[in-house]
Amino acid sequence: MIEARNIVSEEWARAVEEFELRPGSITETVVARIINRIDEASHRELGTFYRVDHDGFEGHVIGTYLTREGKRGAVLQQIGTKVVHVYSEKWLHADG
């Protein structure tokens, strides 16, 4: 999600220069809404609780990742400890 936000922000900056957009334009309002929705979506995932069936690990999302191959996953911190594990999306099942 952060990557999407950066892309939108960069394209907005280019459009401002290229088309000489003025502050407060309707286009600026639309872009701001898009960026806000991207931010909301990415923050919703943080803190989500997951249980990993194959190893019994339970924890909350403290971050996400995207591999060079395009696979997504999450970094979970175990409840009550400082232990973290990373899991591909295929292993994550929301619970609670």
Protein backbone atom coordinates (compact mmCIF):
# COMPACT_ATOMS: atom_id res chain seq x y z
CA MET A 1 0.00 0.00 0.00
CA ILE A 2 2.83 2.36 0.75
CA GLU A 3 4.11 1.80 -2.79
CA ALA A 4 0.70 2.73 -4.22
CA ARG A 5 0.62 5.88 -2.08
CA ASN A 6 4.08 6.87 -3.33
CA ILE A 7 3.07 6.33 -6.94
CA VAL A 8 -0.04 8.49 -6.57
CA SER A 9 1.95 11.21 -4.81
CA GLU A 10 4.67 11.21 -7.49
CA GLU A 11 2.15 11.32 -10.33
CA TRP A 12 0.29 14.16 -8.63
CA ALA A 13 3.53 16.15 -8.34
CA ARG A 14 4.24 15.57 -12.04
CA ALA A 15 0.71 16.62 -13.00
CA VAL A 16 1.00 19.83 -10.97
CA GLU A 17 4.14 20.79 -12.91
CA GLU A 18 2.99 19.58 -16.32
CA PHE A 19 -0.52 21.03 -16.27
CA GLU A 20 0.15 23.95 -13.91
CA LEU A 21 -2.64 22.90 -11.54
CA ARG A 22 -3.56 25.37 -8.86
CA PRO A 23 -3.88 24.52 -5.15
CA GLY A 24 -7.41 23.64 -4.11
CA SER A 25 -8.45 22.34 -7.54
CA ILE A 26 -11.00 19.55 -7.79
CA THR A 27 -8.21 17.30 -9.07
CA GLU A 28 -6.20 17.92 -5.91
CA THR A 29 -9.23 17.00 -3.83
CA VAL A 30 -9.70 13.73 -5.70
CA VAL A 31 -6.01 12.82 -5.37
CA ALA A 32 -6.13 13.59 -1.63
CA ARG A 33 -9.12 11.27 -1.26
CA ILE A 34 -7.29 8.48 -3.11
CA ILE A 35 -4.22 8.87 -0.88
CA ASN A 36 -6.41 8.84 2.25
CA ARG A 37 -8.14 5.64 1.15
CA ILE A 38 -4.78 3.97 0.48
CA ASP A 39 -3.56 5.03 3.95
CA GLU A 40 -6.74 3.72 5.61
CA ALA A 41 -6.49 0.38 3.83
CA SER A 42 -2.85 -0.14 4.81
CA HIS A 43 -3.45 0.76 8.46
CA ARG A 44 -6.45 -1.54 8.73
CA GLU A 45 -4.15 -4.53 8.30
CA LEU A 46 -1.81 -3.48 11.12
CA GLY A 47 -2.83 -5.01 14.43
CA THR A 48 -4.97 -7.75 12.85
CA PHE A 49 -4.75 -11.02 14.79
CA TYR A 50 -3.83 -14.21 12.93
CA ARG A 51 -3.44 -17.84 13.90
CA VAL A 52 -1.16 -19.99 11.73
CA ASP A 53 -2.62 -23.50 11.64
CA HIS A 54 0.46 -25.48 10.61
CA ASP A 55 2.66 -24.29 13.50
CA GLY A 56 0.21 -22.82 16.03
CA PHE A 57 1.79 -19.34 15.99
CA GLU A 58 -0.58 -16.57 17.08
CA GLY A 59 0.19 -12.91 16.74
CA HIS A 60 -0.68 -9.46 15.52
CA VAL A 61 0.45 -7.89 12.25
CA ILE A 62 3.24 -5.38 12.82
CA GLY A 63 4.22 -5.04 9.16
CA THR A 64 3.78 -6.40 5.67
CA TYR A 65 6.16 -7.37 2.88
CA LEU A 66 6.29 -7.96 -0.86
CA THR A 67 8.99 -10.28 -2.23
CA ARG A 68 10.86 -9.61 -5.47
CA GLU A 69 8.70 -12.33 -6.98
CA GLY A 70 5.55 -10.40 -6.08
CA LYS A 71 4.38 -12.58 -3.17
CA ARG A 72 2.81 -10.77 -0.23
CA GLY A 73 2.97 -11.62 3.44
CA ALA A 74 2.93 -10.28 6.95
CA VAL A 75 5.23 -9.91 9.92
CA LEU A 76 3.50 -11.16 13.07
CA GLN A 77 4.56 -10.49 16.64
CA GLN A 78 3.64 -13.27 19.03
CA ILE A 79 1.24 -12.31 21.78
CA GLY A 80 3.01 -11.59 25.08
CA THR A 81 6.54 -11.92 23.66
CA LYS A 82 9.04 -10.10 21.46
CA VAL A 83 9.15 -13.01 18.99
CA VAL A 84 8.31 -12.21 15.37
CA HIS A 85 7.72 -14.52 12.40
CA VAL A 86 7.05 -13.79 8.74
CA TYR A 87 4.34 -15.64 6.82
CA SER A 88 3.15 -15.69 3.25
CA GLU A 89 -0.51 -14.68 2.79
CA LYS A 90 -1.44 -18.30 2.09
CA TRP A 91 -0.76 -19.19 5.75
CA LEU A 92 -2.75 -16.37 7.32
CA HIS A 93 -6.29 -16.88 8.57
CA ALA A 94 -8.00 -14.09 10.52
CA ASP A 95 -9.13 -15.30 13.93
CA GLY A 96 -10.79 -13.04 16.45
